[in-house]
Amino acid sequence: MGVSTVTIRNTFGSDHLSFDAVGLPGFHFSQDPLEYATRTHHSDLDTVDHVVPGDLIQAAAVLATVVYHTANRPELTPRKPLPGPLPQK
């Protein structure tokens, strides 16, 4: 499927962090950084007509595979420890 790297390293700046913060498994799919911030991403050109069809097909296949296998695991996905209580004011 073209996936070349799998890591348990925490990557900052993604939506998965809110799940991690409350002890739920969070997944972050990192894309190839090639032209990530130089051409269209997070700009006024970030529209569907600039999507590379092959990239979208590959990303959908990877995500569908992860969701399928995660949903069909015989055991729960491992969780990180819950955060400690907030300090009292």
C-alpha atoms as a PDB file:
ATOM      1  CA  MET A   1       0.000   0.000   0.000  1.00  0.00           C
ATOM      2  CA  GLY A   2       2.996   2.289  -0.010  1.00  0.00           C
ATOM      3  CA  VAL A   3       3.324   2.719   3.757  1.00  0.00           C
ATOM      4  CA  SER A   4       7.003   2.891   4.572  1.00  0.00           C
ATOM      5  CA  THR A   5       7.201   3.926   8.228  1.00  0.00           C
ATOM      6  CA  VAL A   6       5.325   2.934  11.366  1.00  0.00           C
ATOM      7  CA  THR A   7       6.264   4.490  14.686  1.00  0.00           C
ATOM      8  CA  ILE A   8       4.940   4.828  18.213  1.00  0.00           C
ATOM      9  CA  ARG A   9       6.619   8.233  18.443  1.00  0.00           C
ATOM     10  CA  ASN A  10       4.233  10.983  19.464  1.00  0.00           C
ATOM     11  CA  THR A  11       3.773  13.630  16.790  1.00  0.00           C
ATOM     12  CA  PHE A  12       2.594  17.003  18.011  1.00  0.00           C
ATOM     13  CA  GLY A  13       0.097  19.294  16.340  1.00  0.00           C
ATOM     14  CA  SER A  14      -2.547  16.789  15.320  1.00  0.00           C
ATOM     15  CA  ASP A  15      -6.155  16.068  16.251  1.00  0.00           C
ATOM     16  CA  HIS A  16      -5.184  12.748  17.830  1.00  0.00           C
ATOM     17  CA  LEU A  17      -3.730  14.505  20.882  1.00  0.00           C
ATOM     18  CA  SER A  18      -7.161  15.162  22.399  1.00  0.00           C
ATOM     19  CA  PHE A  19      -7.781  11.408  22.425  1.00  0.00           C
ATOM     20  CA  ASP A  20      -4.367  10.710  23.969  1.00  0.00           C
ATOM     21  CA  ALA A  21      -5.077  13.275  26.682  1.00  0.00           C
ATOM     22  CA  VAL A  22      -8.019  11.262  28.022  1.00  0.00           C
ATOM     23  CA  GLY A  23      -6.476   7.803  27.666  1.00  0.00           C
ATOM     24  CA  LEU A  24      -8.097   6.777  24.367  1.00  0.00           C
ATOM     25  CA  PRO A  25      -6.046   5.369  21.511  1.00  0.00           C
ATOM     26  CA  GLY A  26      -5.224   8.121  19.063  1.00  0.00           C
ATOM     27  CA  PHE A  27      -3.895   7.532  15.573  1.00  0.00           C
ATOM     28  CA  HIS A  28      -1.917   9.958  13.469  1.00  0.00           C
ATOM     29  CA  PHE A  29      -1.234   9.273   9.819  1.00  0.00           C
ATOM     30  CA  SER A  30       1.764  11.231   8.591  1.00  0.00           C
ATOM     31  CA  GLN A  31       1.957  11.994   4.925  1.00  0.00           C
ATOM     32  CA  ASP A  32       5.029  12.541   2.833  1.00  0.00           C
ATOM     33  CA  PRO A  33       6.170  16.076   3.690  1.00  0.00           C
ATOM     34  CA  LEU A  34       6.995  16.768   0.047  1.00  0.00           C
ATOM     35  CA  GLU A  35       5.344  20.104  -0.749  1.00  0.00           C
ATOM     36  CA  TYR A  36       3.287  19.868   2.464  1.00  0.00           C
ATOM     37  CA  ALA A  37       3.515  23.562   3.269  1.00  0.00           C
ATOM     38  CA  THR A  38       4.777  25.036   0.035  1.00  0.00           C
ATOM     39  CA  ARG A  39       1.994  24.701  -2.517  1.00  0.00           C
ATOM     40  CA  THR A  40      -1.563  24.106  -1.415  1.00  0.00           C
ATOM     41  CA  HIS A  41      -1.922  22.678   2.090  1.00  0.00           C
ATOM     42  CA  HIS A  42      -3.613  25.124   4.476  1.00  0.00           C
ATOM     43  CA  SER A  43      -3.915  27.783   1.804  1.00  0.00           C
ATOM     44  CA  ASP A  44      -6.686  29.188  -0.368  1.00  0.00           C
ATOM     45  CA  LEU A  45      -5.635  26.591  -2.961  1.00  0.00           C
ATOM     46  CA  ASP A  46      -6.412  23.717  -0.562  1.00  0.00           C
ATOM     47  CA  THR A  47      -9.442  22.618  -2.596  1.00  0.00           C
ATOM     48  CA  VAL A  48     -10.621  19.333  -4.059  1.00  0.00           C
ATOM     49  CA  ASP A  49      -9.458  20.243  -7.556  1.00  0.00           C
ATOM     50  CA  HIS A  50      -5.839  20.178  -6.310  1.00  0.00           C
ATOM     51  CA  VAL A  51      -6.114  16.664  -4.851  1.00  0.00           C
ATOM     52  CA  VAL A  52      -3.772  14.099  -6.378  1.00  0.00           C
ATOM     53  CA  PRO A  53      -6.130  11.161  -7.088  1.00  0.00           C
ATOM     54  CA  GLY A  54      -3.482   8.484  -6.497  1.00  0.00           C
ATOM     55  CA  ASP A  55      -2.582   9.994  -3.115  1.00  0.00           C
ATOM     56  CA  LEU A  56      -6.238  10.065  -2.069  1.00  0.00           C
ATOM     57  CA  ILE A  57      -6.797   6.455  -3.151  1.00  0.00           C
ATOM     58  CA  GLN A  58      -3.705   5.297  -1.253  1.00  0.00           C
ATOM     59  CA  ALA A  59      -4.651   7.233   1.902  1.00  0.00           C
ATOM     60  CA  ALA A  60      -8.206   5.847   1.816  1.00  0.00           C
ATOM     61  CA  ALA A  61      -6.913   2.284   1.442  1.00  0.00           C
ATOM     62  CA  VAL A  62      -4.491   2.681   4.356  1.00  0.00           C
ATOM     63  CA  LEU A  63      -7.143   4.226   6.608  1.00  0.00           C
ATOM     64  CA  ALA A  64      -9.752   1.592   5.689  1.00  0.00           C
ATOM     65  CA  THR A  65      -7.265  -1.189   6.446  1.00  0.00           C
ATOM     66  CA  VAL A  66      -6.323   0.257   9.842  1.00  0.00           C
ATOM     67  CA  VAL A  67      -9.978   0.802  10.800  1.00  0.00           C
ATOM     68  CA  TYR A  68     -10.949  -2.723   9.714  1.00  0.00           C
ATOM     69  CA  HIS A  69      -8.119  -4.430  11.581  1.00  0.00           C
ATOM     70  CA  THR A  70      -8.542  -2.263  14.682  1.00  0.00           C
ATOM     71  CA  ALA A  71     -12.284  -2.960  14.822  1.00  0.00           C
ATOM     72  CA  ASN A  72     -11.731  -6.699  14.460  1.00  0.00           C
ATOM     73  CA  ARG A  73      -8.991  -7.144  17.052  1.00  0.00           C
ATOM     74  CA  PRO A  74      -9.829  -9.848  19.608  1.00  0.00           C
ATOM     75  CA  GLU A  75      -8.657  -7.525  22.395  1.00  0.00           C
ATOM     76  CA  LEU A  76      -8.872  -3.794  23.055  1.00  0.00           C
ATOM     77  CA  THR A  77      -6.330  -1.531  21.451  1.00  0.00           C
ATOM     78  CA  PRO A  78      -3.660  -0.777  24.075  1.00  0.00           C
ATOM     79  CA  ARG A  79      -4.267   2.382  26.070  1.00  0.00           C
ATOM     80  CA  LYS A  80      -1.873   4.827  27.621  1.00  0.00           C
ATOM     81  CA  PRO A  81      -2.203   5.467  31.352  1.00  0.00           C
ATOM     82  CA  LEU A  82      -4.895   7.984  32.258  1.00  0.00           C
ATOM     83  CA  PRO A  83      -3.613  11.428  33.160  1.00  0.00           C
ATOM     84  CA  GLY A  84      -3.468  12.308  36.826  1.00  0.00           C
ATOM     85  CA  PRO A  85      -6.060  14.530  38.499  1.00  0.00           C
ATOM     86  CA  LEU A  86      -5.910  18.253  37.901  1.00  0.00           C
ATOM     87  CA  PRO A  87      -4.397  20.278  40.737  1.00  0.00           C
ATOM     88  CA  GLN A  88      -6.906  21.811  43.136  1.00  0.00           C
ATOM     89  CA  LYS A  89      -7.184  25.591  43.038  1.00  0.00           C
END
